[in-house]
Amino acid sequence: MPALDPVDKQVIKILQENGRLSLTEIGRRLGVSHVAVGKRLEKLTAQGVIKVQANLGLKPLNLRLLAVLIEVEGREALDKLCQVFSECPRMLLLSTLIAGFNLFALMVAEDERVLESITTCCAVRDTPGIKRTEIYLMGNVVLPRYVPLRVTTDYKEEAPCGRNCASCSRFKEDRCPGCPAVKGYKGSL
């Protein structure tokens, strides 16, 4: 497992403050060449220590977070749900848990209609293999201010979870914008 040396930590800290700084500027701040910074970043990226990406601001987009605790029946069902839910465009974090509830999901909702859909009829509520769920709406999110929400540009007929939004009564009655991954999505993402 790679260890972070003091220069690695300084480079990461600078990038966390402003990920758009040039290698030259980072090098200037650290007293090293831009080539040295570039090599260090290549090493950290190749080792999987860092990933450069565009994260989205929760407050500017009025996004709400939900913590979902899920109890799944057995390992096979757990593996299948992890595979299905990992494709959900609203999923920010998906992790197995030890004991009791055995799956944790951190999800994003762009409005009240989505909050209601997730808490009542979304795939995290009633997919086969799920025994029970508890959903907690988060209040003021202090950290992080930005999240790695995946933006969809390749729309499908069916949601990644297998749901068909076009046949859902909530979608038809404009009580839900649908999944951001489907054609006809009516939301802000």
N, C-alpha and C. Protein backbone atom coordinates (compact mmCIF):
# COMPACT_ATOMS: atom_id res chain seq x y z
N MET A 1 0.84 -1.18 0.00
CA MET A 1 0.00 0.00 0.00
C MET A 1 0.89 1.25 0.00
N PRO A 2 0.64 2.19 -0.91
CA PRO A 2 1.49 3.38 -0.98
C PRO A 2 1.28 4.28 0.24
N ALA A 3 2.35 4.85 0.72
CA ALA A 3 2.29 5.81 1.82
C ALA A 3 2.46 7.21 1.25
N LEU A 4 1.79 8.17 1.85
CA LEU A 4 1.91 9.56 1.41
C LEU A 4 3.07 10.22 2.13
N ASP A 5 4.02 10.74 1.36
CA ASP A 5 5.11 11.48 1.99
C ASP A 5 4.68 12.94 2.15
N PRO A 6 5.46 13.76 2.85
CA PRO A 6 5.05 15.15 3.09
C PRO A 6 4.78 15.96 1.81
N VAL A 7 5.55 15.73 0.76
CA VAL A 7 5.32 16.48 -0.49
C VAL A 7 4.02 16.02 -1.15
N ASP A 8 3.75 14.71 -1.14
CA ASP A 8 2.47 14.20 -1.65
C ASP A 8 1.32 14.92 -0.96
N LYS A 9 1.40 15.00 0.36
CA LYS A 9 0.33 15.63 1.15
C LYS A 9 0.17 17.10 0.79
N GLN A 10 1.29 17.79 0.58
CA GLN A 10 1.22 19.21 0.20
C GLN A 10 0.57 19.37 -1.17
N VAL A 11 0.94 18.54 -2.12
CA VAL A 11 0.36 18.60 -3.46
C VAL A 11 -1.15 18.36 -3.38
N ILE A 12 -1.55 17.34 -2.64
CA ILE A 12 -2.97 17.01 -2.50
C ILE A 12 -3.71 18.16 -1.83
N LYS A 13 -3.15 18.73 -0.77
CA LYS A 13 -3.81 19.83 -0.07
C LYS A 13 -4.02 21.02 -1.01
N ILE A 14 -3.00 21.36 -1.78
CA ILE A 14 -3.11 22.47 -2.73
C ILE A 14 -4.21 22.18 -3.75
N LEU A 15 -4.25 20.97 -4.29
CA LEU A 15 -5.28 20.61 -5.27
C LEU A 15 -6.67 20.59 -4.66
N GLN A 16 -6.78 20.20 -3.39
CA GLN A 16 -8.08 20.20 -2.74
C GLN A 16 -8.60 21.62 -2.56
N GLU A 17 -7.70 22.57 -2.40
CA GLU A 17 -8.10 23.96 -2.27
C GLU A 17 -8.47 24.56 -3.62
N ASN A 18 -7.72 24.18 -4.67
CA ASN A 18 -7.99 24.68 -6.02
C ASN A 18 -7.44 23.68 -7.03
N GLY A 19 -8.31 22.81 -7.51
CA GLY A 19 -7.92 21.76 -8.43
C GLY A 19 -7.55 22.24 -9.82
N ARG A 20 -7.71 23.53 -10.08
CA ARG A 20 -7.41 24.05 -11.42
C ARG A 20 -6.05 24.74 -11.51
N LEU A 21 -5.29 24.71 -10.43
CA LEU A 21 -3.97 25.34 -10.47
C LEU A 21 -3.07 24.60 -11.46
N SER A 22 -2.21 25.35 -12.10
CA SER A 22 -1.27 24.74 -13.05
C SER A 22 -0.16 24.02 -12.28
N LEU A 23 0.48 23.09 -12.97
CA LEU A 23 1.60 22.38 -12.36
C LEU A 23 2.71 23.37 -12.01
N THR A 24 2.87 24.40 -12.84
CA THR A 24 3.88 25.42 -12.59
C THR A 24 3.60 26.15 -11.28
N GLU A 25 2.34 26.52 -11.06
CA GLU A 25 1.97 27.23 -9.83
C GLU A 25 2.13 26.33 -8.61
N ILE A 26 1.74 25.09 -8.72
CA ILE A 26 1.91 24.15 -7.60
C ILE A 26 3.40 24.00 -7.29
N GLY A 27 4.20 23.83 -8.34
CA GLY A 27 5.64 23.72 -8.16
C GLY A 27 6.24 24.95 -7.51
N ARG A 28 5.78 26.13 -7.94
CA ARG A 28 6.27 27.39 -7.35
C ARG A 28 5.99 27.42 -5.85
N ARG A 29 4.77 27.04 -5.47
CA ARG A 29 4.40 27.06 -4.05
C ARG A 29 5.21 26.06 -3.22
N LEU A 30 5.61 24.97 -3.84
CA LEU A 30 6.35 23.93 -3.12
C LEU A 30 7.86 24.05 -3.28
N GLY A 31 8.30 24.91 -4.19
CA GLY A 31 9.73 25.06 -4.42
C GLY A 31 10.33 23.92 -5.23
N VAL A 32 9.52 23.34 -6.12
CA VAL A 32 10.00 22.26 -7.00
C VAL A 32 9.57 22.59 -8.44
N SER A 33 10.08 21.84 -9.39
CA SER A 33 9.74 22.10 -10.79
C SER A 33 8.35 21.56 -11.13
N HIS A 34 7.76 22.11 -12.20
CA HIS A 34 6.47 21.61 -12.66
C HIS A 34 6.58 20.16 -13.12
N VAL A 35 7.75 19.78 -13.62
CA VAL A 35 7.97 18.39 -14.04
C VAL A 35 7.89 17.46 -12.83
N ALA A 36 8.49 17.88 -11.71
CA ALA A 36 8.45 17.06 -10.49
C ALA A 36 7.01 16.91 -10.00
N VAL A 37 6.24 17.99 -10.07
CA VAL A 37 4.83 17.94 -9.66
C VAL A 37 4.06 16.99 -10.58
N GLY A 38 4.29 17.11 -11.89
CA GLY A 38 3.61 16.25 -12.86
C GLY A 38 3.91 14.78 -12.62
N LYS A 39 5.17 14.46 -12.37
CA LYS A 39 5.54 13.06 -12.10
C LYS A 39 4.88 12.55 -10.83
N ARG A 40 4.83 13.40 -9.83
CA ARG A 40 4.22 13.01 -8.56
C ARG A 40 2.71 12.75 -8.75
N LEU A 41 2.06 13.63 -9.51
CA LEU A 41 0.63 13.45 -9.78
C LEU A 41 0.37 12.19 -10.60
N GLU A 42 1.23 11.93 -11.58
CA GLU A 42 1.09 10.70 -12.37
C GLU A 42 1.22 9.47 -11.48
N LYS A 43 2.18 9.50 -10.56
CA LYS A 43 2.39 8.37 -9.64
C LYS A 43 1.16 8.18 -8.74
N LEU A 44 0.67 9.27 -8.16
CA LEU A 44 -0.48 9.19 -7.25
C LEU A 44 -1.73 8.71 -7.99
N THR A 45 -1.89 9.14 -9.22
CA THR A 45 -3.03 8.71 -10.03
C THR A 45 -2.90 7.24 -10.41
N ALA A 46 -1.73 6.84 -10.85
CA ALA A 46 -1.50 5.44 -11.25
C ALA A 46 -1.69 4.48 -10.07
N GLN A 47 -1.35 4.93 -8.88
CA GLN A 47 -1.52 4.10 -7.68
C GLN A 47 -2.96 4.09 -7.17
N GLY A 48 -3.82 4.91 -7.77
CA GLY A 48 -5.21 4.99 -7.33
C GLY A 48 -5.39 5.80 -6.06
N VAL A 49 -4.39 6.59 -5.70
CA VAL A 49 -4.46 7.40 -4.49
C VAL A 49 -5.34 8.62 -4.72
N ILE A 50 -5.25 9.23 -5.90
CA ILE A 50 -6.08 10.39 -6.21
C ILE A 50 -6.76 10.18 -7.56
N LYS A 51 -7.84 10.93 -7.74
CA LYS A 51 -8.54 10.96 -9.02
C LYS A 51 -9.01 12.40 -9.21
N VAL A 52 -8.73 12.96 -10.34
CA VAL A 52 -9.16 14.31 -10.65
C VAL A 52 -10.52 14.21 -11.32
N GLN A 53 -11.51 14.94 -10.80
CA GLN A 53 -12.87 14.86 -11.34
C GLN A 53 -13.63 16.14 -11.03
N ALA A 54 -14.75 16.34 -11.71
CA ALA A 54 -15.62 17.47 -11.46
C ALA A 54 -16.69 17.04 -10.46
N ASN A 55 -16.73 17.70 -9.31
CA ASN A 55 -17.76 17.44 -8.32
C ASN A 55 -18.79 18.56 -8.38
N LEU A 56 -20.01 18.26 -7.97
CA LEU A 56 -21.10 19.24 -8.05
C LEU A 56 -21.43 19.80 -6.67
N GLY A 57 -21.76 21.09 -6.63
CA GLY A 57 -22.12 21.75 -5.38
C GLY A 57 -23.53 21.40 -4.95
N LEU A 58 -23.68 20.97 -3.70
CA LEU A 58 -25.00 20.60 -3.18
C LEU A 58 -25.93 21.82 -3.10
N LYS A 59 -25.45 22.90 -2.48
CA LYS A 59 -26.32 24.07 -2.26
C LYS A 59 -26.73 24.77 -3.55
N PRO A 60 -25.80 25.08 -4.47
CA PRO A 60 -26.22 25.77 -5.69
C PRO A 60 -27.26 24.99 -6.50
N LEU A 61 -27.21 23.66 -6.43
CA LEU A 61 -28.15 22.83 -7.19
C LEU A 61 -29.35 22.40 -6.34
N ASN A 62 -29.42 22.90 -5.09
CA ASN A 62 -30.51 22.55 -4.17
C ASN A 62 -30.67 21.04 -4.00
N LEU A 63 -29.55 20.34 -3.89
CA LEU A 63 -29.59 18.89 -3.75
C LEU A 63 -29.71 18.50 -2.29
N ARG A 64 -30.51 17.48 -2.03
CA ARG A 64 -30.69 16.93 -0.68
C ARG A 64 -30.08 15.54 -0.64
N LEU A 65 -29.53 15.18 0.51
CA LEU A 65 -28.93 13.86 0.68
C LEU A 65 -29.80 12.99 1.57
N LEU A 66 -29.83 11.72 1.24
CA LEU A 66 -30.55 10.73 2.03
C LEU A 66 -29.60 9.59 2.38
N ALA A 67 -29.65 9.18 3.63
CA ALA A 67 -28.90 8.00 4.07
C ALA A 67 -29.90 6.85 4.11
N VAL A 68 -29.57 5.76 3.43
CA VAL A 68 -30.48 4.62 3.34
C VAL A 68 -29.78 3.39 3.93
N LEU A 69 -30.39 2.82 4.97
CA LEU A 69 -29.91 1.58 5.56
C LEU A 69 -30.78 0.46 5.02
N ILE A 70 -30.17 -0.58 4.51
CA ILE A 70 -30.90 -1.66 3.85
C ILE A 70 -30.48 -2.99 4.45
N GLU A 71 -31.47 -3.82 4.76
CA GLU A 71 -31.18 -5.19 5.17
C GLU A 71 -31.55 -6.09 4.01
N VAL A 72 -30.57 -6.84 3.53
CA VAL A 72 -30.74 -7.69 2.36
C VAL A 72 -30.67 -9.15 2.78
N GLU A 73 -31.49 -9.98 2.13
CA GLU A 73 -31.53 -11.42 2.42
C GLU A 73 -30.38 -12.15 1.74
N GLY A 74 -29.34 -12.46 2.47
CA GLY A 74 -28.29 -13.32 1.95
C GLY A 74 -27.26 -12.64 1.06
N ARG A 75 -26.14 -13.32 0.93
CA ARG A 75 -24.99 -12.79 0.19
C ARG A 75 -25.27 -12.65 -1.31
N GLU A 76 -25.96 -13.60 -1.89
CA GLU A 76 -26.24 -13.54 -3.33
C GLU A 76 -27.09 -12.32 -3.67
N ALA A 77 -28.13 -12.09 -2.88
CA ALA A 77 -28.99 -10.92 -3.10
C ALA A 77 -28.21 -9.63 -2.86
N LEU A 78 -27.35 -9.63 -1.85
CA LEU A 78 -26.54 -8.45 -1.55
C LEU A 78 -25.62 -8.12 -2.73
N ASP A 79 -24.96 -9.13 -3.27
CA ASP A 79 -24.07 -8.91 -4.42
C ASP A 79 -24.84 -8.37 -5.62
N LYS A 80 -26.03 -8.91 -5.86
CA LYS A 80 -26.85 -8.47 -7.00
C LYS A 80 -27.31 -7.03 -6.81
N LEU A 81 -27.76 -6.69 -5.60
CA LEU A 81 -28.21 -5.32 -5.35
C LEU A 81 -27.05 -4.33 -5.46
N CYS A 82 -25.88 -4.72 -4.99
CA CYS A 82 -24.71 -3.84 -5.12
C CYS A 82 -24.43 -3.56 -6.59
N GLN A 83 -24.54 -4.58 -7.41
CA GLN A 83 -24.30 -4.42 -8.85
C GLN A 83 -25.34 -3.50 -9.47
N VAL A 84 -26.61 -3.71 -9.14
CA VAL A 84 -27.70 -2.90 -9.70
C VAL A 84 -27.61 -1.45 -9.22
N PHE A 85 -27.48 -1.26 -7.90
CA PHE A 85 -27.49 0.09 -7.34
C PHE A 85 -26.23 0.88 -7.69
N SER A 86 -25.14 0.20 -8.01
CA SER A 86 -23.91 0.93 -8.36
C SER A 86 -24.07 1.70 -9.67
N GLU A 87 -25.08 1.38 -10.45
CA GLU A 87 -25.35 2.09 -11.71
C GLU A 87 -26.33 3.24 -11.55
N CYS A 88 -26.92 3.39 -10.36
CA CYS A 88 -27.93 4.43 -10.12
C CYS A 88 -27.28 5.82 -10.17
N PRO A 89 -27.80 6.74 -10.99
CA PRO A 89 -27.19 8.06 -11.10
C PRO A 89 -27.37 8.92 -9.85
N ARG A 90 -28.26 8.53 -8.95
CA ARG A 90 -28.47 9.27 -7.70
C ARG A 90 -27.61 8.73 -6.56
N MET A 91 -26.87 7.67 -6.81
CA MET A 91 -26.08 7.01 -5.77
C MET A 91 -24.72 7.70 -5.64
N LEU A 92 -24.42 8.20 -4.44
CA LEU A 92 -23.13 8.83 -4.18
C LEU A 92 -22.17 7.87 -3.50
N LEU A 93 -22.71 7.00 -2.67
CA LEU A 93 -21.87 6.07 -1.93
C LEU A 93 -22.69 4.80 -1.70
N LEU A 94 -22.07 3.68 -1.89
CA LEU A 94 -22.72 2.39 -1.67
C LEU A 94 -21.71 1.50 -0.98
N SER A 95 -22.08 0.98 0.19
CA SER A 95 -21.13 0.19 0.97
C SER A 95 -21.85 -0.92 1.72
N THR A 96 -21.20 -2.07 1.81
CA THR A 96 -21.73 -3.12 2.66
C THR A 96 -21.46 -2.73 4.11
N LEU A 97 -22.29 -3.25 5.01
CA LEU A 97 -22.16 -3.02 6.44
C LEU A 97 -21.99 -4.36 7.14
N ILE A 98 -21.44 -4.32 8.32
CA ILE A 98 -21.26 -5.53 9.12
C ILE A 98 -22.39 -5.59 10.15
N ALA A 99 -23.19 -6.65 10.11
CA ALA A 99 -24.26 -6.94 11.07
C ALA A 99 -25.50 -6.07 10.86
N GLY A 100 -26.67 -6.61 11.23
CA GLY A 100 -27.94 -5.90 11.12
C GLY A 100 -28.22 -5.49 9.69
N PHE A 101 -28.38 -4.19 9.49
CA PHE A 101 -28.46 -3.69 8.12
C PHE A 101 -27.13 -4.03 7.46
N ASN A 102 -27.18 -4.55 6.25
CA ASN A 102 -25.93 -4.98 5.62
C ASN A 102 -25.57 -4.20 4.35
N LEU A 103 -26.32 -3.12 4.08
CA LEU A 103 -26.01 -2.28 2.93
C LEU A 103 -26.34 -0.84 3.28
N PHE A 104 -25.44 0.08 2.94
CA PHE A 104 -25.64 1.50 3.17
C PHE A 104 -25.57 2.23 1.84
N ALA A 105 -26.51 3.14 1.64
CA ALA A 105 -26.52 3.94 0.42
C ALA A 105 -26.65 5.41 0.80
N LEU A 106 -25.85 6.24 0.16
CA LEU A 106 -25.99 7.68 0.28
C LEU A 106 -26.48 8.16 -1.07
N MET A 107 -27.68 8.75 -1.07
CA MET A 107 -28.32 9.13 -2.33
C MET A 107 -28.60 10.62 -2.37
N VAL A 108 -28.80 11.14 -3.56
CA VAL A 108 -29.10 12.55 -3.76
C VAL A 108 -30.50 12.67 -4.36
N ALA A 109 -31.21 13.72 -3.93
CA ALA A 109 -32.53 14.01 -4.49
C ALA A 109 -32.55 15.48 -4.90
N GLU A 110 -33.08 15.75 -6.08
CA GLU A 110 -33.06 17.12 -6.58
C GLU A 110 -34.29 17.93 -6.20
N ASP A 111 -35.34 17.29 -5.70
CA ASP A 111 -36.51 18.03 -5.24
C ASP A 111 -37.38 17.14 -4.34
N GLU A 112 -38.46 17.74 -3.83
CA GLU A 112 -39.35 17.03 -2.91
C GLU A 112 -40.02 15.81 -3.55
N ARG A 113 -40.30 15.90 -4.85
CA ARG A 113 -40.92 14.77 -5.54
C ARG A 113 -40.01 13.56 -5.51
N VAL A 114 -38.72 13.78 -5.71
CA VAL A 114 -37.75 12.68 -5.69
C VAL A 114 -37.62 12.13 -4.27
N LEU A 115 -37.59 13.02 -3.28
CA LEU A 115 -37.53 12.56 -1.89
C LEU A 115 -38.68 11.60 -1.60
N GLU A 116 -39.88 11.99 -2.02
CA GLU A 116 -41.04 11.14 -1.78
C GLU A 116 -40.94 9.82 -2.55
N SER A 117 -40.48 9.87 -3.78
CA SER A 117 -40.34 8.64 -4.56
C SER A 117 -39.33 7.69 -3.93
N ILE A 118 -38.18 8.23 -3.51
CA ILE A 118 -37.16 7.38 -2.90
C ILE A 118 -37.69 6.74 -1.62
N THR A 119 -38.44 7.51 -0.83
CA THR A 119 -38.91 6.99 0.45
C THR A 119 -40.14 6.11 0.34
N THR A 120 -40.79 6.08 -0.81
CA THR A 120 -42.01 5.26 -0.93
C THR A 120 -41.92 4.13 -1.94
N CYS A 121 -41.46 4.41 -3.15
CA CYS A 121 -41.58 3.39 -4.19
C CYS A 121 -40.32 3.16 -5.01
N CYS A 122 -39.24 3.81 -4.67
CA CYS A 122 -37.99 3.66 -5.42
C CYS A 122 -37.43 2.25 -5.25
N ALA A 123 -36.51 1.88 -6.12
CA ALA A 123 -35.90 0.55 -6.09
C ALA A 123 -35.24 0.23 -4.76
N VAL A 124 -34.74 1.25 -4.03
CA VAL A 124 -34.10 0.96 -2.74
C VAL A 124 -35.13 0.57 -1.69
N ARG A 125 -36.39 0.72 -2.01
CA ARG A 125 -37.45 0.35 -1.07
C ARG A 125 -38.02 -1.04 -1.32
N ASP A 126 -38.20 -1.39 -2.60
CA ASP A 126 -38.98 -2.61 -2.83
C ASP A 126 -38.42 -3.56 -3.89
N THR A 127 -37.11 -3.56 -4.06
CA THR A 127 -36.50 -4.53 -4.96
C THR A 127 -36.47 -5.90 -4.28
N PRO A 128 -36.76 -6.98 -5.00
CA PRO A 128 -36.69 -8.31 -4.40
C PRO A 128 -35.33 -8.56 -3.74
N GLY A 129 -35.37 -9.13 -2.56
CA GLY A 129 -34.16 -9.39 -1.78
C GLY A 129 -34.00 -8.43 -0.63
N ILE A 130 -34.72 -7.29 -0.68
CA ILE A 130 -34.65 -6.32 0.41
C ILE A 130 -35.67 -6.71 1.48
N LYS A 131 -35.19 -6.91 2.71
CA LYS A 131 -36.08 -7.26 3.82
C LYS A 131 -36.67 -6.01 4.45
N ARG A 132 -35.83 -5.01 4.69
CA ARG A 132 -36.31 -3.76 5.29
C ARG A 132 -35.33 -2.64 5.01
N THR A 133 -35.84 -1.41 5.09
CA THR A 133 -35.00 -0.24 4.90
C THR A 133 -35.36 0.82 5.93
N GLU A 134 -34.41 1.65 6.22
CA GLU A 134 -34.64 2.87 7.00
C GLU A 134 -33.99 3.99 6.21
N ILE A 135 -34.73 5.08 6.04
CA ILE A 135 -34.23 6.20 5.24
C ILE A 135 -34.21 7.45 6.12
N TYR A 136 -33.08 8.15 6.08
CA TYR A 136 -32.90 9.36 6.87
C TYR A 136 -32.57 10.51 5.94
N LEU A 137 -33.38 11.55 6.00
CA LEU A 137 -33.13 12.77 5.23
C LEU A 137 -32.12 13.61 5.99
N MET A 138 -31.05 13.98 5.34
CA MET A 138 -30.02 14.77 5.99
C MET A 138 -30.42 16.23 6.01
N GLY A 139 -30.05 16.91 7.09
CA GLY A 139 -30.32 18.33 7.23
C GLY A 139 -29.25 19.14 6.52
N ASN A 140 -28.65 20.07 7.25
CA ASN A 140 -27.59 20.91 6.70
C ASN A 140 -26.31 20.09 6.55
N VAL A 141 -25.87 19.89 5.33
CA VAL A 141 -24.64 19.14 5.08
C VAL A 141 -23.47 20.12 5.21
N VAL A 142 -22.66 19.92 6.24
CA VAL A 142 -21.53 20.79 6.50
C VAL A 142 -20.35 20.43 5.59
N LEU A 143 -20.05 19.15 5.51
CA LEU A 143 -19.00 18.62 4.63
C LEU A 143 -19.49 17.34 4.00
N PRO A 144 -19.22 17.11 2.78
CA PRO A 144 -18.54 17.96 1.81
C PRO A 144 -19.52 18.94 1.18
N ARG A 145 -19.00 20.02 0.63
CA ARG A 145 -19.83 20.98 -0.09
C ARG A 145 -20.05 20.53 -1.52
N TYR A 146 -19.15 19.69 -2.02
CA TYR A 146 -19.23 19.19 -3.40
C TYR A 146 -19.24 17.67 -3.36
N VAL A 147 -20.00 17.07 -4.27
CA VAL A 147 -20.10 15.60 -4.30
C VAL A 147 -19.85 15.08 -5.71
N PRO A 148 -19.37 13.84 -5.80
CA PRO A 148 -19.08 13.24 -7.11
C PRO A 148 -20.32 12.64 -7.77
N LEU A 149 -21.31 13.47 -8.01
CA LEU A 149 -22.54 13.01 -8.65
C LEU A 149 -22.29 12.78 -10.13
N ARG A 150 -22.66 11.61 -10.61
CA ARG A 150 -22.46 11.28 -12.03
C ARG A 150 -23.55 11.94 -12.88
N VAL A 151 -23.15 12.68 -13.88
CA VAL A 151 -24.09 13.34 -14.78
C VAL A 151 -24.30 12.42 -15.98
N THR A 152 -25.56 12.22 -16.34
CA THR A 152 -25.90 11.32 -17.44
C THR A 152 -26.12 12.10 -18.72
N THR A 153 -25.55 11.62 -19.81
CA THR A 153 -25.80 12.21 -21.13
C THR A 153 -26.26 11.16 -22.13
N ASP A 154 -26.18 9.90 -21.75
CA ASP A 154 -26.57 8.79 -22.62
C ASP A 154 -27.85 8.17 -22.04
N TYR A 155 -29.00 8.70 -22.46
CA TYR A 155 -30.28 8.32 -21.87
C TYR A 155 -30.79 7.00 -22.43
N LYS A 156 -31.42 6.21 -21.57
CA LYS A 156 -31.95 4.89 -21.92
C LYS A 156 -33.46 4.88 -21.76
N GLU A 157 -34.09 3.82 -22.25
CA GLU A 157 -35.53 3.64 -22.07
C GLU A 157 -35.86 3.22 -20.65
N GLU A 158 -34.94 2.47 -20.04
CA GLU A 158 -35.16 1.89 -18.72
C GLU A 158 -34.09 2.39 -17.76
N ALA A 159 -34.47 2.60 -16.51
CA ALA A 159 -33.51 3.03 -15.48
C ALA A 159 -32.51 1.91 -15.22
N PRO A 160 -31.31 2.24 -14.74
CA PRO A 160 -30.31 1.21 -14.46
C PRO A 160 -30.79 0.14 -13.49
N CYS A 161 -31.74 0.48 -12.63
CA CYS A 161 -32.27 -0.49 -11.67
C CYS A 161 -33.31 -1.41 -12.30
N GLY A 162 -33.64 -1.16 -13.57
CA GLY A 162 -34.62 -2.00 -14.26
C GLY A 162 -36.03 -1.41 -14.26
N ARG A 163 -36.22 -0.28 -13.59
CA ARG A 163 -37.54 0.35 -13.55
C ARG A 163 -37.83 1.06 -14.87
N ASN A 164 -39.12 1.12 -15.21
CA ASN A 164 -39.55 1.83 -16.41
C ASN A 164 -40.34 3.04 -15.96
N CYS A 165 -39.70 4.20 -15.95
CA CYS A 165 -40.34 5.42 -15.47
C CYS A 165 -41.60 5.76 -16.26
N ALA A 166 -41.58 5.51 -17.57
CA ALA A 166 -42.73 5.87 -18.41
C ALA A 166 -44.01 5.16 -17.98
N SER A 167 -43.90 4.01 -17.33
CA SER A 167 -45.09 3.28 -16.90
C SER A 167 -45.43 3.54 -15.43
N CYS A 168 -44.67 4.37 -14.75
CA CYS A 168 -44.89 4.66 -13.33
C CYS A 168 -45.95 5.74 -13.17
N SER A 169 -46.92 5.53 -12.29
CA SER A 169 -47.99 6.51 -12.10
C SER A 169 -47.45 7.82 -11.54
N ARG A 170 -46.46 7.78 -10.68
CA ARG A 170 -45.89 9.02 -10.13
C ARG A 170 -45.26 9.85 -11.25
N PHE A 171 -44.59 9.21 -12.19
CA PHE A 171 -43.97 9.91 -13.32
C PHE A 171 -45.04 10.48 -14.24
N LYS A 172 -46.05 9.68 -14.56
CA LYS A 172 -47.13 10.12 -15.46
C LYS A 172 -47.88 11.32 -14.90
N GLU A 173 -48.04 11.36 -13.57
CA GLU A 173 -48.80 12.44 -12.92
C GLU A 173 -47.90 13.60 -12.49
N ASP A 174 -46.67 13.64 -12.97
CA ASP A 174 -45.68 14.68 -12.62
C ASP A 174 -45.43 14.78 -11.12
N ARG A 175 -45.54 13.66 -10.42
CA ARG A 175 -45.21 13.62 -9.00
C ARG A 175 -43.79 13.12 -8.79
N CYS A 176 -43.09 12.82 -9.90
CA CYS A 176 -41.69 12.42 -9.87
C CYS A 176 -41.10 12.74 -11.25
N PRO A 177 -39.89 13.30 -11.30
CA PRO A 177 -39.29 13.61 -12.60
C PRO A 177 -38.72 12.39 -13.30
N GLY A 178 -38.68 11.25 -12.61
CA GLY A 178 -38.10 10.05 -13.19
C GLY A 178 -36.63 9.94 -12.88
N CYS A 179 -36.02 8.96 -13.46
CA CYS A 179 -34.59 8.71 -13.26
C CYS A 179 -33.77 9.59 -14.19
N PRO A 180 -32.70 10.22 -13.70
CA PRO A 180 -31.86 11.05 -14.57
C PRO A 180 -31.22 10.29 -15.74
N ALA A 181 -31.29 8.96 -15.72
CA ALA A 181 -30.66 8.17 -16.78
C ALA A 181 -31.64 7.78 -17.89
N VAL A 182 -32.93 8.17 -17.76
CA VAL A 182 -33.91 7.72 -18.76
C VAL A 182 -34.34 8.86 -19.68
N LYS A 183 -34.74 8.46 -20.89
CA LYS A 183 -35.31 9.42 -21.84
C LYS A 183 -36.60 9.95 -21.23
N GLY A 184 -36.84 11.23 -21.37
CA GLY A 184 -38.04 11.83 -20.82
C GLY A 184 -37.89 12.33 -19.40
N TYR A 185 -36.69 12.24 -18.83
CA TYR A 185 -36.44 12.73 -17.47
C TYR A 185 -36.84 14.19 -17.40
N LYS A 186 -37.57 14.58 -16.33
CA LYS A 186 -38.13 15.92 -16.21
C LYS A 186 -37.50 16.73 -15.07
N GLY A 187 -36.33 16.34 -14.62
CA GLY A 187 -35.71 17.01 -13.48
C GLY A 187 -34.58 17.94 -13.87
N SER A 188 -33.86 18.41 -12.87
CA SER A 188 -32.81 19.41 -13.06
C SER A 188 -31.40 18.83 -13.21
N LEU A 189 -31.28 17.53 -13.09
CA LEU A 189 -29.93 16.93 -13.21
C LEU A 189 -29.70 16.55 -14.65
